[in-house]
Amino acid sequence: MSKQMLILTGPQGAGNHLWSKVFSKHPDVYGWKSLLENYWEPHRFNEPFASFWRDPSKLKDFAWVDYDYYFTSISVPLGIPGHNSNPLWEPNLLEFKQAVEAQGIETKFAVIGRDQTILREQQTRIRTEPTLPLLLKQLPEDAVFLSYELLYLYKDAYIKSLDIQTFLKIVLPNMLVLAPQVTGKIFLNRRKKCKLLTQKILLLSLMGKSMRLKNSIIMLNIISTRCRI
């Protein structure tokens, strides 16, 4: 059997770290193992192939001998516009893929996503502007598209529809066990915080004057957008 690499990509803020945990957990996969012990880590310092994304030509010096399955993840773009220590840059997906295949490794792209309104809010809040168009410019043509919603709705039927059967066979238990634990906690914590904040704003509006009521309505509109998962 030939060695394989699954390349996970997607826009900033789409859940790259969570999917990285799912695909890296199995002991037979060379992936982002240190992330399994932490909620979050910076890609540019900790992702095992981070330096190779900067210079794919270095992949010829990588030791491909210990594993049959490799996993890497990358958001497009990375960094923050105008930031001195972490400037915005665009990893070259095709160049990386070709450099891996030049070492005799089969590759497959898996693309993740999220609600476009949430992505726009998230990217604007952290990166000052939406960055999705930068990914769309080099969206892989031969990718599979991953969806948590479809996975938990249709389970095995959804898995069978994906063209990464061999790779999924060894990581499927992690997809069905690890991911709900993480996403469930995030969802419940977000809902709890939003509920408490909403109650506080409603209470203030009832106690205050018209100007405070107007400001409260504006705040509730913001909450209704940002509290979505």
Protein backbone atom coordinates (compact mmCIF):
# COMPACT_ATOMS: atom_id res chain seq x y z
CA MET A 1 0.00 0.00 0.00
CA SER A 2 1.33 3.43 -0.90
CA LYS A 3 1.70 6.14 1.71
CA GLN A 4 -1.02 8.77 1.88
CA MET A 5 -1.41 12.34 3.06
CA LEU A 6 -4.70 14.05 3.78
CA ILE A 7 -4.42 17.83 3.36
CA LEU A 8 -7.09 19.70 5.30
CA THR A 9 -7.78 23.28 4.29
CA GLY A 10 -10.46 25.89 4.59
CA PRO A 11 -11.05 29.56 5.39
CA GLN A 12 -9.86 31.17 8.60
CA GLY A 13 -12.28 30.53 11.44
CA ALA A 14 -13.85 27.37 9.99
CA GLY A 15 -12.76 24.92 12.68
CA ASN A 16 -9.35 23.87 11.38
CA HIS A 17 -8.03 23.04 14.86
CA LEU A 18 -11.00 20.86 15.75
CA TRP A 19 -10.76 18.79 12.58
CA SER A 20 -6.99 18.54 13.11
CA LYS A 21 -7.62 16.88 16.46
CA VAL A 22 -10.01 14.40 14.88
CA PHE A 23 -7.59 13.34 12.15
CA SER A 24 -4.44 13.38 14.30
CA LYS A 25 -5.65 11.30 17.23
CA HIS A 26 -5.11 7.83 15.75
CA PRO A 27 -1.64 6.40 16.58
CA ASP A 28 -1.13 5.27 12.98
CA VAL A 29 -1.42 8.85 11.69
CA TYR A 30 1.49 11.30 11.62
CA GLY A 31 -0.37 14.49 12.49
CA TRP A 32 -0.67 17.39 14.90
CA LYS A 33 -0.17 15.33 18.09
CA SER A 34 0.70 18.23 20.44
CA LEU A 35 -2.67 19.84 19.67
CA LEU A 36 -4.42 16.87 21.29
CA GLU A 37 -3.16 18.08 24.68
CA ASN A 38 -4.20 21.72 24.19
CA TYR A 39 -7.33 23.62 23.28
CA TRP A 40 -5.44 25.71 20.70
CA GLU A 41 -1.93 26.15 19.33
CA PRO A 42 -0.51 28.58 16.74
CA HIS A 43 -0.16 26.90 13.37
CA ARG A 44 3.00 28.74 12.41
CA PHE A 45 4.89 27.33 15.41
CA ASN A 46 3.35 23.94 16.20
CA GLU A 47 1.79 22.29 13.14
CA PRO A 48 4.27 19.54 12.10
CA PHE A 49 4.46 20.68 8.47
CA ALA A 50 4.38 24.44 9.16
CA SER A 51 7.91 25.08 7.88
CA PHE A 52 7.23 23.01 4.75
CA TRP A 53 4.17 25.10 3.95
CA ARG A 54 6.50 28.10 3.88
CA ASP A 55 8.93 26.26 1.59
CA PRO A 56 7.49 23.05 0.06
CA SER A 57 10.83 22.29 -1.64
CA LYS A 58 12.14 21.19 1.77
CA LEU A 59 9.77 18.19 1.73
CA LYS A 60 12.45 16.24 -0.14
CA ASP A 61 14.40 16.19 3.14
CA PHE A 62 11.48 14.94 5.25
CA ALA A 63 11.71 11.34 6.54
CA TRP A 64 8.67 9.49 5.17
CA VAL A 65 9.61 6.12 6.65
CA ASP A 66 7.78 5.73 9.97
CA TYR A 67 4.12 6.10 8.93
CA ASP A 68 1.77 5.15 6.10
CA TYR A 69 -0.73 7.91 6.92
CA TYR A 70 0.14 11.60 7.15
CA PHE A 71 -2.07 14.55 7.96
CA THR A 72 -1.53 18.27 7.64
CA SER A 73 -3.85 21.25 7.93
CA ILE A 74 -3.63 24.80 6.67
CA SER A 75 -5.99 27.76 6.60
CA VAL A 76 -5.92 30.08 3.61
CA PRO A 77 -4.83 32.71 4.26
CA LEU A 78 -2.86 32.70 7.50
CA GLY A 79 -1.91 35.70 9.62
CA ILE A 80 -3.42 39.11 10.13
CA PRO A 81 -3.37 42.05 7.66
CA GLY A 82 -0.89 44.71 8.79
CA HIS A 83 0.40 42.65 11.72
CA ASN A 84 4.16 42.96 12.30
CA SER A 85 4.94 39.58 13.87
CA ASN A 86 2.20 37.58 12.14
CA PRO A 87 1.56 39.21 8.74
CA LEU A 88 -0.99 37.89 6.29
CA TRP A 89 0.31 35.33 3.79
CA GLU A 90 -1.23 32.85 1.37
CA PRO A 91 -0.02 29.23 1.46
CA ASN A 92 0.21 27.72 -2.02
CA LEU A 93 -1.98 24.60 -1.96
CA LEU A 94 -1.05 23.28 -5.38
CA GLU A 95 2.69 23.76 -4.85
CA PHE A 96 2.56 21.88 -1.55
CA LYS A 97 0.52 19.03 -3.06
CA GLN A 98 2.94 18.63 -5.96
CA ALA A 99 5.96 18.66 -3.62
CA VAL A 100 4.42 15.87 -1.51
CA GLU A 101 3.54 13.78 -4.55
CA ALA A 102 7.10 14.19 -5.85
CA GLN A 103 8.14 12.09 -2.82
CA GLY A 104 5.85 9.24 -3.89
CA ILE A 105 3.06 10.12 -1.42
CA GLU A 106 -0.58 10.05 -2.54
CA THR A 107 -2.50 13.17 -1.57
CA LYS A 108 -6.11 14.17 -1.11
CA PHE A 109 -7.61 17.53 -0.17
CA ALA A 110 -10.40 17.83 2.38
CA VAL A 111 -12.08 21.24 2.61
CA ILE A 112 -14.00 22.49 5.64
CA GLY A 113 -16.37 25.42 5.92
CA ARG A 114 -18.86 27.25 8.10
CA ASP A 115 -21.89 29.48 7.77
CA GLN A 116 -20.83 32.40 5.60
CA THR A 117 -22.29 35.03 7.95
CA ILE A 118 -20.34 33.60 10.90
CA LEU A 119 -17.17 33.45 8.80
CA ARG A 120 -17.55 37.07 7.72
CA GLU A 121 -18.10 38.24 11.31
CA GLN A 122 -15.22 36.14 12.65
CA GLN A 123 -12.73 37.17 9.97
CA THR A 124 -13.64 40.85 10.20
CA ARG A 125 -13.35 40.83 13.99
CA ILE A 126 -9.90 39.21 14.05
CA ARG A 127 -8.43 40.00 10.61
CA THR A 128 -10.17 43.36 10.07
CA GLU A 129 -11.71 42.17 6.78
CA PRO A 130 -13.22 39.02 5.21
CA THR A 131 -10.49 36.70 3.90
CA LEU A 132 -12.65 33.98 2.29
CA PRO A 133 -11.98 35.24 -1.27
CA LEU A 134 -8.30 34.37 -0.85
CA LEU A 135 -9.18 30.70 -0.31
CA LEU A 136 -11.68 30.63 -3.16
CA LYS A 137 -8.95 31.76 -5.58
CA GLN A 138 -7.14 28.44 -5.14
CA LEU A 139 -9.93 26.10 -4.03
CA PRO A 140 -8.84 22.53 -4.96
CA GLU A 141 -10.89 20.95 -7.74
CA ASP A 142 -10.47 17.35 -6.55
CA ALA A 143 -11.34 17.87 -2.87
CA VAL A 144 -13.87 16.25 -0.61
CA PHE A 145 -15.94 18.61 1.52
CA LEU A 146 -16.36 17.82 5.21
CA SER A 147 -19.45 18.70 7.24
CA TYR A 148 -20.11 18.02 10.91
CA GLU A 149 -23.84 18.44 10.35
CA LEU A 150 -23.99 15.78 7.63
CA LEU A 151 -21.69 13.45 9.58
CA TYR A 152 -23.98 13.35 12.61
CA LEU A 153 -27.17 13.29 10.60
CA TYR A 154 -26.28 10.46 8.24
CA LYS A 155 -23.23 8.79 9.88
CA ASP A 156 -22.03 5.81 7.78
CA ALA A 157 -24.01 6.88 4.72
CA TYR A 158 -22.17 10.20 4.72
CA ILE A 159 -18.79 8.53 5.24
CA LYS A 160 -19.38 6.24 2.26
CA SER A 161 -19.94 9.28 0.06
CA LEU A 162 -16.43 10.60 0.75
CA ASP A 163 -13.57 9.63 -1.52
CA ILE A 164 -11.06 9.11 1.29
CA GLN A 165 -12.20 5.67 2.41
CA THR A 166 -8.86 4.18 3.46
CA PHE A 167 -7.92 7.21 5.52
CA LEU A 168 -11.35 7.54 7.09
CA LYS A 169 -11.41 3.89 8.09
CA ILE A 170 -8.80 4.44 10.78
CA VAL A 171 -9.99 7.84 12.02
CA LEU A 172 -13.77 7.32 11.93
CA PRO A 173 -14.04 6.39 15.64
CA ASN A 174 -12.41 9.71 16.52
CA MET A 175 -14.82 11.61 14.28
CA LEU A 176 -17.81 10.11 16.08
CA VAL A 177 -16.41 10.36 19.63
CA LEU A 178 -13.93 13.24 19.93
CA ALA A 179 -15.70 15.88 17.85
CA PRO A 180 -19.09 15.87 19.67
CA GLN A 181 -17.31 16.34 23.00
CA VAL A 182 -15.53 19.46 21.79
CA THR A 183 -18.30 21.01 19.71
CA GLY A 184 -20.87 20.27 22.41
CA LYS A 185 -18.87 22.13 25.05
CA ILE A 186 -18.31 25.11 22.77
CA PHE A 187 -21.99 25.26 21.84
CA LEU A 188 -23.28 24.97 25.42
CA ASN A 189 -20.81 27.50 26.83
CA ARG A 190 -21.64 29.99 24.07
CA ARG A 191 -25.38 29.52 24.57
CA LYS A 192 -25.09 29.94 28.36
CA LYS A 193 -23.06 33.15 28.09
CA CYS A 194 -25.38 34.60 25.44
CA LYS A 195 -28.47 33.77 27.48
CA LEU A 196 -27.11 35.50 30.59
CA LEU A 197 -26.02 38.56 28.61
CA THR A 198 -29.39 38.79 26.89
CA GLN A 199 -31.23 38.62 30.22
CA LYS A 200 -29.02 41.37 31.66
CA ILE A 201 -29.62 43.68 28.71
CA LEU A 202 -33.38 43.12 28.82
CA LEU A 203 -33.39 43.92 32.54
CA LEU A 204 -31.45 47.13 31.99
CA SER A 205 -33.82 48.20 29.23
CA LEU A 206 -36.83 47.72 31.50
CA MET A 207 -35.20 49.78 34.25
CA GLY A 208 -33.83 52.54 32.01
CA LYS A 209 -35.05 55.31 29.79
CA SER A 210 -35.71 55.39 26.05
CA MET A 211 -32.07 55.98 25.06
CA ARG A 212 -30.95 52.98 27.11
CA LEU A 213 -33.75 50.94 25.54
CA LYS A 214 -32.55 51.95 22.08
CA ASN A 215 -28.99 50.92 22.92
CA SER A 216 -30.25 47.64 24.35
CA ILE A 217 -32.08 46.81 21.13
CA ILE A 218 -28.88 47.46 19.18
CA MET A 219 -26.95 45.19 21.53
CA LEU A 220 -29.55 42.43 21.20
CA ASN A 221 -29.22 42.57 17.43
CA ILE A 222 -25.46 42.14 17.76
CA ILE A 223 -25.90 39.23 20.16
CA SER A 224 -28.36 37.48 17.85
CA THR A 225 -25.66 37.50 15.14
CA ARG A 226 -22.56 36.69 17.18
CA CYS A 227 -24.12 34.03 19.40
CA ARG A 228 -24.76 31.76 16.46
CA ILE A 229 -22.52 28.69 16.20
